Amino acid sequence: MKTKVEKINVNHIEVAIIVRAINTRKRIEFFTNPEDQFQIGAFNMNKGEKIQPHIHLNQERKLKDTVELIYVLNGELIVNF
């Protein structure tokens, strides 16, 4: 089963990203664009495998909105805009 990513737009503005049942065969897979403020990704690594130490380069960003993550384990979430 492939990971299903659904982007929700209201008046041509992306307001939500829904990621259902993350399942990837890739070692690292991101479901958002590199320029997005919030990065969503998944790792598929073997036990004992390590991520090489690395740094994230400084990037000046202007934030207009607050980003929020809601993780639903079971049930449903209703959002009204």
Protein backbone atom coordinates (compact mmCIF):
# COMPACT_ATOMS: atom_id res chain seq x y z
CA MET A 1 0.00 0.00 0.00
CA LYS A 2 1.34 3.41 -1.00
CA THR A 3 1.15 6.35 1.40
CA LYS A 4 -1.84 8.50 0.54
CA VAL A 5 -1.29 12.26 0.82
CA GLU A 6 -4.29 14.53 0.46
CA LYS A 7 -3.88 18.31 0.30
CA ILE A 8 -6.88 20.39 1.34
CA ASN A 9 -7.33 23.84 -0.22
CA VAL A 10 -9.84 26.52 0.73
CA ASN A 11 -10.12 29.48 -1.64
CA HIS A 12 -6.91 28.33 -3.39
CA ILE A 13 -4.95 28.33 -0.10
CA GLU A 14 -3.52 25.08 1.25
CA VAL A 15 -4.97 24.69 4.74
CA ALA A 16 -4.25 21.05 5.53
CA ILE A 17 -2.26 18.00 4.52
CA ILE A 18 -3.69 14.63 5.43
CA VAL A 19 -1.28 11.69 5.45
CA ARG A 20 -2.99 8.33 5.91
CA ALA A 21 -1.21 5.12 6.85
CA ILE A 22 2.38 6.10 6.13
CA ASN A 23 3.99 3.26 4.22
CA THR A 24 7.20 3.72 2.28
CA ARG A 25 9.71 1.34 0.78
CA LYS A 26 12.19 4.19 0.36
CA ARG A 27 14.79 4.76 3.07
CA ILE A 28 13.66 8.38 3.41
CA GLU A 29 10.55 9.89 1.83
CA PHE A 30 9.15 13.39 2.32
CA PHE A 31 5.51 14.12 1.55
CA THR A 32 5.86 17.91 1.48
CA ASN A 33 7.78 20.23 -0.82
CA PRO A 34 11.27 21.35 0.27
CA GLU A 35 10.12 24.98 0.44
CA ASP A 36 7.15 24.19 2.71
CA GLN A 37 7.30 25.61 6.22
CA PHE A 38 6.45 22.26 7.81
CA GLN A 39 8.18 19.11 6.61
CA ILE A 40 6.44 15.72 6.79
CA GLY A 41 8.54 12.66 6.10
CA ALA A 42 8.97 8.99 6.91
CA PHE A 43 12.02 6.83 7.39
CA ASN A 44 12.23 3.12 6.56
CA MET A 45 15.40 1.98 8.25
CA ASN A 46 16.71 -1.31 9.56
CA LYS A 47 17.25 -1.82 13.26
CA GLY A 48 20.65 -0.42 14.22
CA GLU A 49 20.90 1.71 11.07
CA LYS A 50 21.92 5.27 11.84
CA ILE A 51 21.29 8.65 10.27
CA GLN A 52 24.56 10.40 9.48
CA PRO A 53 25.10 13.47 11.65
CA HIS A 54 24.21 16.55 9.64
CA ILE A 55 23.16 20.15 9.99
CA HIS A 56 20.35 22.13 8.47
CA LEU A 57 21.64 25.32 6.93
CA ASN A 58 20.26 28.58 8.26
CA GLN A 59 17.46 29.92 6.10
CA GLU A 60 15.75 33.21 6.70
CA ARG A 61 12.00 32.69 6.67
CA LYS A 62 9.08 34.99 7.25
CA LEU A 63 6.28 33.27 9.07
CA LYS A 64 2.76 34.52 8.45
CA ASP A 65 0.83 31.73 10.13
CA THR A 66 1.11 29.21 12.92
CA VAL A 67 1.58 25.62 11.78
CA GLU A 68 -0.18 22.92 13.76
CA LEU A 69 0.06 19.13 13.73
CA ILE A 70 -2.90 17.03 14.82
CA TYR A 71 -2.16 13.32 15.05
CA VAL A 72 -5.33 11.22 15.14
CA LEU A 73 -4.73 7.68 16.37
CA ASN A 74 -8.30 6.49 16.15
CA GLY A 75 -11.61 7.97 15.13
CA GLU A 76 -12.26 11.04 13.05
CA LEU A 77 -11.66 14.77 13.19
CA ILE A 78 -14.12 17.32 11.84
CA VAL A 79 -12.69 20.74 10.92
CA ASN A 80 -14.86 23.68 9.87
CA PHE A 81 -13.41 26.63 7.93
